[in-house]
Amino acid sequence: MYAGLDVSGYDDPDFVLAEVDDWSPTAVDDSGAALRIFFSTADDRNAAGTHIRAVMPQLVCAPIDVPDEHWAERSQAALTAVRVGNLTVAPPWDIPADGTQVIVILPSMGFGTGHHASTRLCLALLQQDDQAGRRVCDVGTGSGVLAIAALRLGAASAIAVDYDMDAIVCARESAELNHITSGLDIRQLDLDVEGTVAGAPFDLVLANLTGGLLIRLVDRLVAMTVSGGALLLSGITFAEADDVTAACVGAGCQVIERRDEDGWVGLRLGR
C-alpha cells in the first residue's frame, strides 16, 4: 500500500506542495481532479494532512491508501522536456536535439524535473553569470538538477547535499544518467544540524528550498559563500518574498536580480 493524500479545491497545486514539503513527499500525481501526494509513511501523510487542514481550511483533504504498484509510471509518463534558456531538462524518453545543454532527469519523484517554477527560476538565474571555474554548493539538491546544471555551465566542481536519503539516491541516479564521473560530490547532510558543508566557502551557493527554511538558514548560507560570491535562492512564494529579501539583506547580501513566475520568486544575490 502507498500512503497518499488527496487534496482538491486549490488554485495552484505548487502552493499545496510547498506546505507539505516538511514531510518529504515522495511523489505527486496531479493528472486527476485532485492533487494526490504520496508519502513514505502513513504518519507523514497524516501529519501533512493535519497541517493542510490548519493552514488551508478551504481545501478538501482526505487520506487514501493506494494498492496499485504502477501508479508512478503512469503519472510521470506524460512529462516532457522543459527548456530554460540554453538548458533543457528532459526525461530519458524526450531528449531533444536542439543544441541546448541537456540534463536528463528520471522523473520518479515528481520534483526537480524542471516542471516546477522554482526550478526553472534557478536554472534561469544560473545562466546570468559566467560559472566557469566556480566551486558550487547545492543545498537541498533533490534530483541533483541544479548541481548538474552548474557543471554543464562550466563550474569546476559541485557539492550537492540533502538530508533525505531518497533524494541522495535520486541525485546519484541523475549523475549516472548524465555520465558525470568527476566534479560532483553528493552527500547526505542536514544543514540545520551540521551548520555548514565541508569545503566551504564556495563561489556559488544554490538553495531551492522554502521561504521559511531560507530565512532560518540564511546566516549559514551566507557564511558558506566567499566574499564577492553569489547565492541563488528559490522556492519562495510571492507572499514570502519581502521577508526572505529582508533576511538576506540583513545577513549582508545585495539583491542583484529578482525573477517572478507563477507566484514564485527567485533571487540572485551578491555577498
C-alpha atoms as a PDB file:
ATOM      1  CA  MET A   1       0.000   0.000   0.000  1.00  0.00           C
ATOM      2  CA  TYR A   2       1.090   3.555  -0.738  1.00  0.00           C
ATOM      3  CA  ALA A   3       0.155   6.308   1.734  1.00  0.00           C
ATOM      4  CA  GLY A   4      -1.479   9.107  -0.233  1.00  0.00           C
ATOM      5  CA  LEU A   5      -3.279  12.364   0.425  1.00  0.00           C
ATOM      6  CA  ASP A   6      -5.954  13.646  -1.970  1.00  0.00           C
ATOM      7  CA  VAL A   7      -6.285  17.443  -1.970  1.00  0.00           C
ATOM      8  CA  SER A   8      -8.796  19.439  -4.003  1.00  0.00           C
ATOM      9  CA  GLY A   9     -10.166  22.978  -4.176  1.00  0.00           C
ATOM     10  CA  TYR A  10      -6.801  24.693  -4.689  1.00  0.00           C
ATOM     11  CA  ASP A  11      -5.939  27.407  -7.215  1.00  0.00           C
ATOM     12  CA  ASP A  12      -2.295  26.419  -7.645  1.00  0.00           C
ATOM     13  CA  PRO A  13      -1.009  22.937  -6.727  1.00  0.00           C
ATOM     14  CA  ASP A  14       2.523  24.264  -6.181  1.00  0.00           C
ATOM     15  CA  PHE A  15       1.415  26.160  -3.081  1.00  0.00           C
ATOM     16  CA  VAL A  16      -0.060  22.965  -1.638  1.00  0.00           C
ATOM     17  CA  LEU A  17       3.205  21.132  -2.315  1.00  0.00           C
ATOM     18  CA  ALA A  18       5.181  23.890  -0.612  1.00  0.00           C
ATOM     19  CA  GLU A  19       3.096  23.471   2.548  1.00  0.00           C
ATOM     20  CA  VAL A  20       3.727  19.699   2.787  1.00  0.00           C
ATOM     21  CA  ASP A  21       7.433  19.845   1.951  1.00  0.00           C
ATOM     22  CA  ASP A  22       8.469  19.323   5.588  1.00  0.00           C
ATOM     23  CA  TRP A  23       7.005  15.794   5.411  1.00  0.00           C
ATOM     24  CA  SER A  24       9.123  14.833   2.368  1.00  0.00           C
ATOM     25  CA  PRO A  25       6.511  13.768  -0.185  1.00  0.00           C
ATOM     26  CA  THR A  26       7.875  11.007  -2.389  1.00  0.00           C
ATOM     27  CA  ALA A  27       5.748  11.599  -5.492  1.00  0.00           C
ATOM     28  CA  VAL A  28       2.820  13.573  -6.857  1.00  0.00           C
ATOM     29  CA  ASP A  29       0.040  12.720  -9.266  1.00  0.00           C
ATOM     30  CA  ASP A  30      -1.896  15.766 -10.487  1.00  0.00           C
ATOM     31  CA  SER A  31      -3.483  14.089 -13.507  1.00  0.00           C
ATOM     32  CA  GLY A  32      -6.967  13.991 -11.981  1.00  0.00           C
ATOM     33  CA  ALA A  33      -9.402  16.443 -10.403  1.00  0.00           C
ATOM     34  CA  ALA A  34      -7.459  16.264  -7.130  1.00  0.00           C
ATOM     35  CA  LEU A  35      -3.790  16.503  -6.283  1.00  0.00           C
ATOM     36  CA  ARG A  36      -2.642  13.114  -4.984  1.00  0.00           C
ATOM     37  CA  ILE A  37       0.504  13.399  -2.854  1.00  0.00           C
ATOM     38  CA  PHE A  38       2.359  10.293  -1.697  1.00  0.00           C
ATOM     39  CA  PHE A  39       4.485   9.915   1.447  1.00  0.00           C
ATOM     40  CA  SER A  40       6.923   7.327   2.776  1.00  0.00           C
ATOM     41  CA  THR A  41       4.749   6.542   5.790  1.00  0.00           C
ATOM     42  CA  ALA A  42       1.149   6.918   6.893  1.00  0.00           C
ATOM     43  CA  ASP A  43       2.369   9.019   9.838  1.00  0.00           C
ATOM     44  CA  ASP A  44       3.963  11.552   7.481  1.00  0.00           C
ATOM     45  CA  ARG A  45       0.804  11.560   5.361  1.00  0.00           C
ATOM     46  CA  ASN A  46      -1.424  12.142   8.372  1.00  0.00           C
ATOM     47  CA  ALA A  47       0.776  14.934   9.760  1.00  0.00           C
ATOM     48  CA  ALA A  48       0.820  16.673   6.366  1.00  0.00           C
ATOM     49  CA  GLY A  49      -2.961  16.367   6.151  1.00  0.00           C
ATOM     50  CA  THR A  50      -3.398  17.901   9.590  1.00  0.00           C
ATOM     51  CA  HIS A  51      -1.173  20.798   8.564  1.00  0.00           C
ATOM     52  CA  ILE A  52      -3.035  21.406   5.291  1.00  0.00           C
ATOM     53  CA  ARG A  53      -6.392  21.490   7.086  1.00  0.00           C
ATOM     54  CA  ALA A  54      -4.995  24.041   9.562  1.00  0.00           C
ATOM     55  CA  VAL A  55      -3.386  26.444   7.078  1.00  0.00           C
ATOM     56  CA  MET A  56      -5.731  25.943   4.103  1.00  0.00           C
ATOM     57  CA  PRO A  57      -9.122  25.162   5.660  1.00  0.00           C
ATOM     58  CA  GLN A  58     -10.891  25.928   2.369  1.00  0.00           C
ATOM     59  CA  LEU A  59      -9.385  22.822   0.765  1.00  0.00           C
ATOM     60  CA  VAL A  60     -10.776  19.304   0.833  1.00  0.00           C
ATOM     61  CA  CYS A  61      -8.101  16.946   2.132  1.00  0.00           C
ATOM     62  CA  ALA A  62      -8.520  13.184   2.562  1.00  0.00           C
ATOM     63  CA  PRO A  63      -6.078  10.307   3.218  1.00  0.00           C
ATOM     64  CA  ILE A  64      -6.041   7.396   0.793  1.00  0.00           C
ATOM     65  CA  ASP A  65      -4.160   4.087   0.598  1.00  0.00           C
ATOM     66  CA  VAL A  66      -3.279   3.078  -2.966  1.00  0.00           C
ATOM     67  CA  PRO A  67      -2.508  -0.599  -3.719  1.00  0.00           C
ATOM     68  CA  ASP A  68      -1.623  -0.029  -7.400  1.00  0.00           C
ATOM     69  CA  GLU A  69       2.144  -0.508  -7.805  1.00  0.00           C
ATOM     70  CA  HIS A  70       2.139   1.030 -11.303  1.00  0.00           C
ATOM     71  CA  TRP A  71       0.658   4.453 -10.487  1.00  0.00           C
ATOM     72  CA  ALA A  72       4.060   6.181 -10.504  1.00  0.00           C
ATOM     73  CA  GLU A  73       4.946   5.099 -14.020  1.00  0.00           C
ATOM     74  CA  ARG A  74       1.588   6.266 -15.359  1.00  0.00           C
ATOM     75  CA  SER A  75       1.595   9.598 -13.544  1.00  0.00           C
ATOM     76  CA  GLN A  76       5.089  10.538 -14.777  1.00  0.00           C
ATOM     77  CA  ALA A  77       4.942   9.131 -18.320  1.00  0.00           C
ATOM     78  CA  ALA A  78       3.333  12.265 -19.755  1.00  0.00           C
ATOM     79  CA  LEU A  79       6.181  14.557 -18.643  1.00  0.00           C
ATOM     80  CA  THR A  80       8.197  16.079 -21.481  1.00  0.00           C
ATOM     81  CA  ALA A  81      11.362  18.158 -21.828  1.00  0.00           C
ATOM     82  CA  VAL A  82      11.455  21.694 -20.402  1.00  0.00           C
ATOM     83  CA  ARG A  83      13.750  24.325 -21.905  1.00  0.00           C
ATOM     84  CA  VAL A  84      15.100  27.251 -19.873  1.00  0.00           C
ATOM     85  CA  GLY A  85      17.444  29.453 -21.868  1.00  0.00           C
ATOM     86  CA  ASN A  86      20.310  27.299 -23.121  1.00  0.00           C
ATOM     87  CA  LEU A  87      19.490  24.445 -20.758  1.00  0.00           C
ATOM     88  CA  THR A  88      16.943  21.670 -21.262  1.00  0.00           C
ATOM     89  CA  VAL A  89      15.779  19.315 -18.519  1.00  0.00           C
ATOM     90  CA  ALA A  90      14.450  16.161 -20.160  1.00  0.00           C
ATOM     91  CA  PRO A  91      13.202  12.711 -19.195  1.00  0.00           C
ATOM     92  CA  PRO A  92      15.044   9.874 -20.956  1.00  0.00           C
ATOM     93  CA  TRP A  93      12.149   9.413 -23.415  1.00  0.00           C
ATOM     94  CA  ASP A  94      12.051  13.030 -24.658  1.00  0.00           C
ATOM     95  CA  ILE A  95      15.632  14.190 -25.244  1.00  0.00           C
ATOM     96  CA  PRO A  96      15.655  16.985 -27.845  1.00  0.00           C
ATOM     97  CA  ALA A  97      18.338  17.616 -30.449  1.00  0.00           C
ATOM     98  CA  ASP A  98      18.092  21.408 -30.397  1.00  0.00           C
ATOM     99  CA  GLY A  99      21.625  22.425 -29.474  1.00  0.00           C
ATOM    100  CA  THR A 100      20.905  23.138 -25.802  1.00  0.00           C
ATOM    101  CA  GLN A 101      22.778  21.650 -22.873  1.00  0.00           C
ATOM    102  CA  VAL A 102      20.584  18.693 -21.910  1.00  0.00           C
ATOM    103  CA  ILE A 103      20.208  17.426 -18.349  1.00  0.00           C
ATOM    104  CA  VAL A 104      18.499  14.051 -18.197  1.00  0.00           C
ATOM    105  CA  ILE A 105      16.326  13.555 -15.118  1.00  0.00           C
ATOM    106  CA  LEU A 106      14.231  10.476 -14.457  1.00  0.00           C
ATOM    107  CA  PRO A 107      11.012  11.957 -13.020  1.00  0.00           C
ATOM    108  CA  SER A 108      10.414   9.298 -10.408  1.00  0.00           C
ATOM    109  CA  MET A 109       9.773  11.748  -7.588  1.00  0.00           C
ATOM    110  CA  GLY A 110       7.722  14.483  -9.298  1.00  0.00           C
ATOM    111  CA  PHE A 111      10.270  17.139  -8.157  1.00  0.00           C
ATOM    112  CA  GLY A 112      13.404  18.565  -9.709  1.00  0.00           C
ATOM    113  CA  THR A 113      12.259  17.839 -13.245  1.00  0.00           C
ATOM    114  CA  GLY A 114      12.139  21.451 -14.435  1.00  0.00           C
ATOM    115  CA  HIS A 115       8.351  21.481 -14.414  1.00  0.00           C
ATOM    116  CA  HIS A 116       8.208  23.401 -11.123  1.00  0.00           C
ATOM    117  CA  ALA A 117       8.551  27.172 -11.453  1.00  0.00           C
ATOM    118  CA  SER A 118      11.095  27.338  -8.609  1.00  0.00           C
ATOM    119  CA  THR A 119      13.450  25.012 -10.501  1.00  0.00           C
ATOM    120  CA  ARG A 120      13.023  26.996 -13.714  1.00  0.00           C
ATOM    121  CA  LEU A 121      13.783  30.229 -11.856  1.00  0.00           C
ATOM    122  CA  CYS A 122      17.046  28.782 -10.532  1.00  0.00           C
ATOM    123  CA  LEU A 123      18.023  27.489 -13.971  1.00  0.00           C
ATOM    124  CA  ALA A 124      17.360  30.914 -15.489  1.00  0.00           C
ATOM    125  CA  LEU A 125      19.285  32.798 -12.802  1.00  0.00           C
ATOM    126  CA  LEU A 126      22.169  30.337 -13.050  1.00  0.00           C
ATOM    127  CA  GLN A 127      22.679  31.429 -16.653  1.00  0.00           C
ATOM    128  CA  GLN A 128      23.021  35.118 -15.789  1.00  0.00           C
ATOM    129  CA  ASP A 129      26.631  34.707 -14.585  1.00  0.00           C
ATOM    130  CA  ASP A 130      29.710  33.028 -16.002  1.00  0.00           C
ATOM    131  CA  GLN A 131      30.027  29.800 -13.982  1.00  0.00           C
ATOM    132  CA  ALA A 132      33.372  28.781 -15.487  1.00  0.00           C
ATOM    133  CA  GLY A 133      35.763  27.514 -12.823  1.00  0.00           C
ATOM    134  CA  ARG A 134      33.411  28.145  -9.920  1.00  0.00           C
ATOM    135  CA  ARG A 135      33.117  25.927  -6.846  1.00  0.00           C
ATOM    136  CA  VAL A 136      29.415  25.364  -6.226  1.00  0.00           C
ATOM    137  CA  CYS A 137      27.297  24.003  -3.379  1.00  0.00           C
ATOM    138  CA  ASP A 138      23.680  22.962  -3.990  1.00  0.00           C
ATOM    139  CA  VAL A 139      21.762  22.819  -0.694  1.00  0.00           C
ATOM    140  CA  GLY A 140      18.639  20.642  -0.827  1.00  0.00           C
ATOM    141  CA  THR A 141      19.662  19.111  -4.121  1.00  0.00           C
ATOM    142  CA  GLY A 142      16.662  16.806  -4.671  1.00  0.00           C
ATOM    143  CA  SER A 143      17.175  15.256  -8.109  1.00  0.00           C
ATOM    144  CA  GLY A 144      20.579  16.957  -8.439  1.00  0.00           C
ATOM    145  CA  VAL A 145      19.403  19.001 -11.408  1.00  0.00           C
ATOM    146  CA  LEU A 146      20.857  22.344 -10.272  1.00  0.00           C
ATOM    147  CA  ALA A 147      24.273  20.941  -9.368  1.00  0.00           C
ATOM    148  CA  ILE A 148      24.418  19.177 -12.735  1.00  0.00           C
ATOM    149  CA  ALA A 149      23.317  22.367 -14.490  1.00  0.00           C
ATOM    150  CA  ALA A 150      26.148  24.295 -12.832  1.00  0.00           C
ATOM    151  CA  LEU A 151      28.650  21.715 -14.102  1.00  0.00           C
ATOM    152  CA  ARG A 152      27.117  21.874 -17.581  1.00  0.00           C
ATOM    153  CA  LEU A 153      27.697  25.642 -17.483  1.00  0.00           C
ATOM    154  CA  GLY A 154      31.381  25.233 -16.682  1.00  0.00           C
ATOM    155  CA  ALA A 155      31.634  25.043 -12.890  1.00  0.00           C
ATOM    156  CA  ALA A 156      34.830  23.340 -11.740  1.00  0.00           C
ATOM    157  CA  SER A 157      33.055  21.325  -9.038  1.00  0.00           C
ATOM    158  CA  ALA A 158      29.729  20.973  -7.286  1.00  0.00           C
ATOM    159  CA  ILE A 159      28.836  19.583  -3.885  1.00  0.00           C
ATOM    160  CA  ALA A 160      25.186  18.505  -3.689  1.00  0.00           C
ATOM    161  CA  VAL A 161      23.692  17.983  -0.223  1.00  0.00           C
ATOM    162  CA  ASP A 162      20.299  16.858   1.044  1.00  0.00           C
ATOM    163  CA  TYR A 163      19.045  15.497   4.364  1.00  0.00           C
ATOM    164  CA  ASP A 164      16.734  12.998   2.613  1.00  0.00           C
ATOM    165  CA  MET A 165      18.350   9.692   1.610  1.00  0.00           C
ATOM    166  CA  ASP A 166      15.755   9.212  -1.140  1.00  0.00           C
ATOM    167  CA  ALA A 167      16.958  12.473  -2.694  1.00  0.00           C
ATOM    168  CA  ILE A 168      20.575  11.334  -2.442  1.00  0.00           C
ATOM    169  CA  VAL A 169      19.742   8.113  -4.291  1.00  0.00           C
ATOM    170  CA  CYS A 170      17.859  10.137  -6.915  1.00  0.00           C
ATOM    171  CA  ALA A 171      20.757  12.588  -7.351  1.00  0.00           C
ATOM    172  CA  ARG A 172      23.232   9.730  -7.784  1.00  0.00           C
ATOM    173  CA  GLU A 173      20.975   8.182 -10.426  1.00  0.00           C
ATOM    174  CA  SER A 174      20.858  11.553 -12.187  1.00  0.00           C
ATOM    175  CA  ALA A 175      24.651  11.750 -12.178  1.00  0.00           C
ATOM    176  CA  GLU A 176      24.831   8.328 -13.820  1.00  0.00           C
ATOM    177  CA  LEU A 177      22.198   9.234 -16.419  1.00  0.00           C
ATOM    178  CA  ASN A 178      24.241  12.317 -17.332  1.00  0.00           C
ATOM    179  CA  HIS A 179      27.550  10.409 -17.435  1.00  0.00           C
ATOM    180  CA  ILE A 180      29.101  12.565 -14.730  1.00  0.00           C
ATOM    181  CA  THR A 181      32.138  10.748 -13.380  1.00  0.00           C
ATOM    182  CA  SER A 182      34.024  13.625 -11.732  1.00  0.00           C
ATOM    183  CA  GLY A 183      33.424  17.051 -10.260  1.00  0.00           C
ATOM    184  CA  LEU A 184      30.200  16.133  -8.436  1.00  0.00           C
ATOM    185  CA  ASP A 185      30.199  15.196  -4.738  1.00  0.00           C
ATOM    186  CA  ILE A 186      26.796  14.078  -3.410  1.00  0.00           C
ATOM    187  CA  ARG A 187      26.410  13.982   0.375  1.00  0.00           C
ATOM    188  CA  GLN A 188      23.624  13.285   2.849  1.00  0.00           C
ATOM    189  CA  LEU A 189      23.667  16.236   5.240  1.00  0.00           C
ATOM    190  CA  ASP A 190      21.177  18.340   7.197  1.00  0.00           C
ATOM    191  CA  LEU A 191      22.415  21.930   7.213  1.00  0.00           C
ATOM    192  CA  ASP A 192      20.076  22.695  10.111  1.00  0.00           C
ATOM    193  CA  VAL A 193      22.065  20.187  12.188  1.00  0.00           C
ATOM    194  CA  GLU A 194      25.585  20.382  10.739  1.00  0.00           C
ATOM    195  CA  GLY A 195      25.697  24.175  10.349  1.00  0.00           C
ATOM    196  CA  THR A 196      27.932  24.149   7.284  1.00  0.00           C
ATOM    197  CA  VAL A 197      29.252  21.970   4.452  1.00  0.00           C
ATOM    198  CA  ALA A 198      32.849  20.781   4.478  1.00  0.00           C
ATOM    199  CA  GLY A 199      34.731  22.604   1.748  1.00  0.00           C
ATOM    200  CA  ALA A 200      33.060  25.964   2.370  1.00  0.00           C
ATOM    201  CA  PRO A 201      33.232  28.776   1.446  1.00  0.00           C
ATOM    202  CA  PHE A 202      32.010  28.361  -2.153  1.00  0.00           C
ATOM    203  CA  ASP A 203      31.909  30.727  -5.101  1.00  0.00           C
ATOM    204  CA  LEU A 204      28.205  29.979  -5.590  1.00  0.00           C
ATOM    205  CA  VAL A 205      25.580  28.606  -3.211  1.00  0.00           C
ATOM    206  CA  LEU A 206      22.278  27.322  -4.627  1.00  0.00           C
ATOM    207  CA  ALA A 207      19.266  26.762  -2.370  1.00  0.00           C
ATOM    208  CA  ASN A 208      15.860  25.903  -3.805  1.00  0.00           C
ATOM    209  CA  LEU A 209      14.061  25.293  -0.505  1.00  0.00           C
ATOM    210  CA  THR A 210      11.098  27.097   1.094  1.00  0.00           C
ATOM    211  CA  GLY A 211      10.814  30.688   2.233  1.00  0.00           C
ATOM    212  CA  GLY A 212      10.702  29.791   5.915  1.00  0.00           C
ATOM    213  CA  LEU A 213      13.678  27.477   5.684  1.00  0.00           C
ATOM    214  CA  LEU A 214      15.708  30.049   3.757  1.00  0.00           C
ATOM    215  CA  ILE A 215      15.064  32.653   6.443  1.00  0.00           C
ATOM    216  CA  ARG A 216      16.146  30.184   9.126  1.00  0.00           C
ATOM    217  CA  LEU A 217      19.314  29.179   7.257  1.00  0.00           C
ATOM    218  CA  VAL A 218      20.277  32.484   5.659  1.00  0.00           C
ATOM    219  CA  ASP A 219      23.183  33.235   8.010  1.00  0.00           C
ATOM    220  CA  ARG A 220      24.640  29.778   7.362  1.00  0.00           C
ATOM    221  CA  LEU A 221      24.159  30.055   3.602  1.00  0.00           C
ATOM    222  CA  VAL A 222      25.882  33.447   3.543  1.00  0.00           C
ATOM    223  CA  ALA A 223      28.748  32.172   5.719  1.00  0.00           C
ATOM    224  CA  MET A 224      29.230  29.357   3.176  1.00  0.00           C
ATOM    225  CA  THR A 225      29.719  31.883   0.362  1.00  0.00           C
ATOM    226  CA  VAL A 226      33.035  33.606  -0.403  1.00  0.00           C
ATOM    227  CA  SER A 227      33.227  37.378  -0.250  1.00  0.00           C
ATOM    228  CA  GLY A 228      32.339  38.523  -3.757  1.00  0.00           C
ATOM    229  CA  GLY A 229      30.478  35.264  -4.402  1.00  0.00           C
ATOM    230  CA  ALA A 230      26.827  34.689  -5.245  1.00  0.00           C
ATOM    231  CA  LEU A 231      23.749  32.966  -3.862  1.00  0.00           C
ATOM    232  CA  LEU A 232      20.764  31.804  -5.898  1.00  0.00           C
ATOM    233  CA  LEU A 233      17.651  31.250  -3.800  1.00  0.00           C
ATOM    234  CA  SER A 234      14.239  29.947  -4.850  1.00  0.00           C
ATOM    235  CA  GLY A 235      11.228  28.048  -3.526  1.00  0.00           C
ATOM    236  CA  ILE A 236       9.923  31.403  -2.298  1.00  0.00           C
ATOM    237  CA  THR A 237       6.240  32.252  -2.665  1.00  0.00           C
ATOM    238  CA  PHE A 238       5.313  35.801  -3.608  1.00  0.00           C
ATOM    239  CA  ALA A 239       3.917  36.348  -0.106  1.00  0.00           C
ATOM    240  CA  GLU A 240       7.251  35.308   1.447  1.00  0.00           C
ATOM    241  CA  ALA A 241       9.495  37.305  -0.891  1.00  0.00           C
ATOM    242  CA  ASP A 242       9.767  40.517   1.139  1.00  0.00           C
ATOM    243  CA  ASP A 243      10.636  38.667   4.351  1.00  0.00           C
ATOM    244  CA  VAL A 244      13.223  36.479   2.612  1.00  0.00           C
ATOM    245  CA  THR A 245      14.744  39.516   0.885  1.00  0.00           C
ATOM    246  CA  ALA A 246      14.948  41.433   4.170  1.00  0.00           C
ATOM    247  CA  ALA A 247      16.637  38.466   5.870  1.00  0.00           C
ATOM    248  CA  CYS A 248      19.200  38.227   3.060  1.00  0.00           C
ATOM    249  CA  VAL A 249      19.978  41.943   3.141  1.00  0.00           C
ATOM    250  CA  GLY A 250      20.254  41.764   6.929  1.00  0.00           C
ATOM    251  CA  ALA A 251      22.771  38.938   6.546  1.00  0.00           C
ATOM    252  CA  GLY A 252      24.986  41.088   4.325  1.00  0.00           C
ATOM    253  CA  CYS A 253      23.762  40.324   0.804  1.00  0.00           C
ATOM    254  CA  GLN A 254      22.837  42.598  -2.058  1.00  0.00           C
ATOM    255  CA  VAL A 255      19.909  41.708  -4.312  1.00  0.00           C
ATOM    256  CA  ILE A 256      21.221  41.673  -7.876  1.00  0.00           C
ATOM    257  CA  GLU A 257      18.178  40.246  -9.595  1.00  0.00           C
ATOM    258  CA  ARG A 258      14.687  39.079  -8.740  1.00  0.00           C
ATOM    259  CA  ARG A 259      12.536  36.944 -11.034  1.00  0.00           C
ATOM    260  CA  ASP A 260       8.875  36.039 -10.627  1.00  0.00           C
ATOM    261  CA  GLU A 261       6.991  33.168 -12.266  1.00  0.00           C
ATOM    262  CA  ASP A 262       3.532  31.785 -11.481  1.00  0.00           C
ATOM    263  CA  GLY A 263       3.523  33.185  -7.939  1.00  0.00           C
ATOM    264  CA  TRP A 264       7.066  32.009  -7.169  1.00  0.00           C
ATOM    265  CA  VAL A 265      10.192  34.125  -6.723  1.00  0.00           C
ATOM    266  CA  GLY A 266      13.869  33.524  -7.372  1.00  0.00           C
ATOM    267  CA  LEU A 267      16.665  35.754  -6.083  1.00  0.00           C
ATOM    268  CA  ARG A 268      20.222  36.264  -7.337  1.00  0.00           C
ATOM    269  CA  LEU A 269      22.294  37.764  -4.527  1.00  0.00           C
ATOM    270  CA  GLY A 270      25.836  39.007  -4.185  1.00  0.00           C
ATOM    271  CA  ARG A 271      27.826  38.778  -0.998  1.00  0.00           C
END
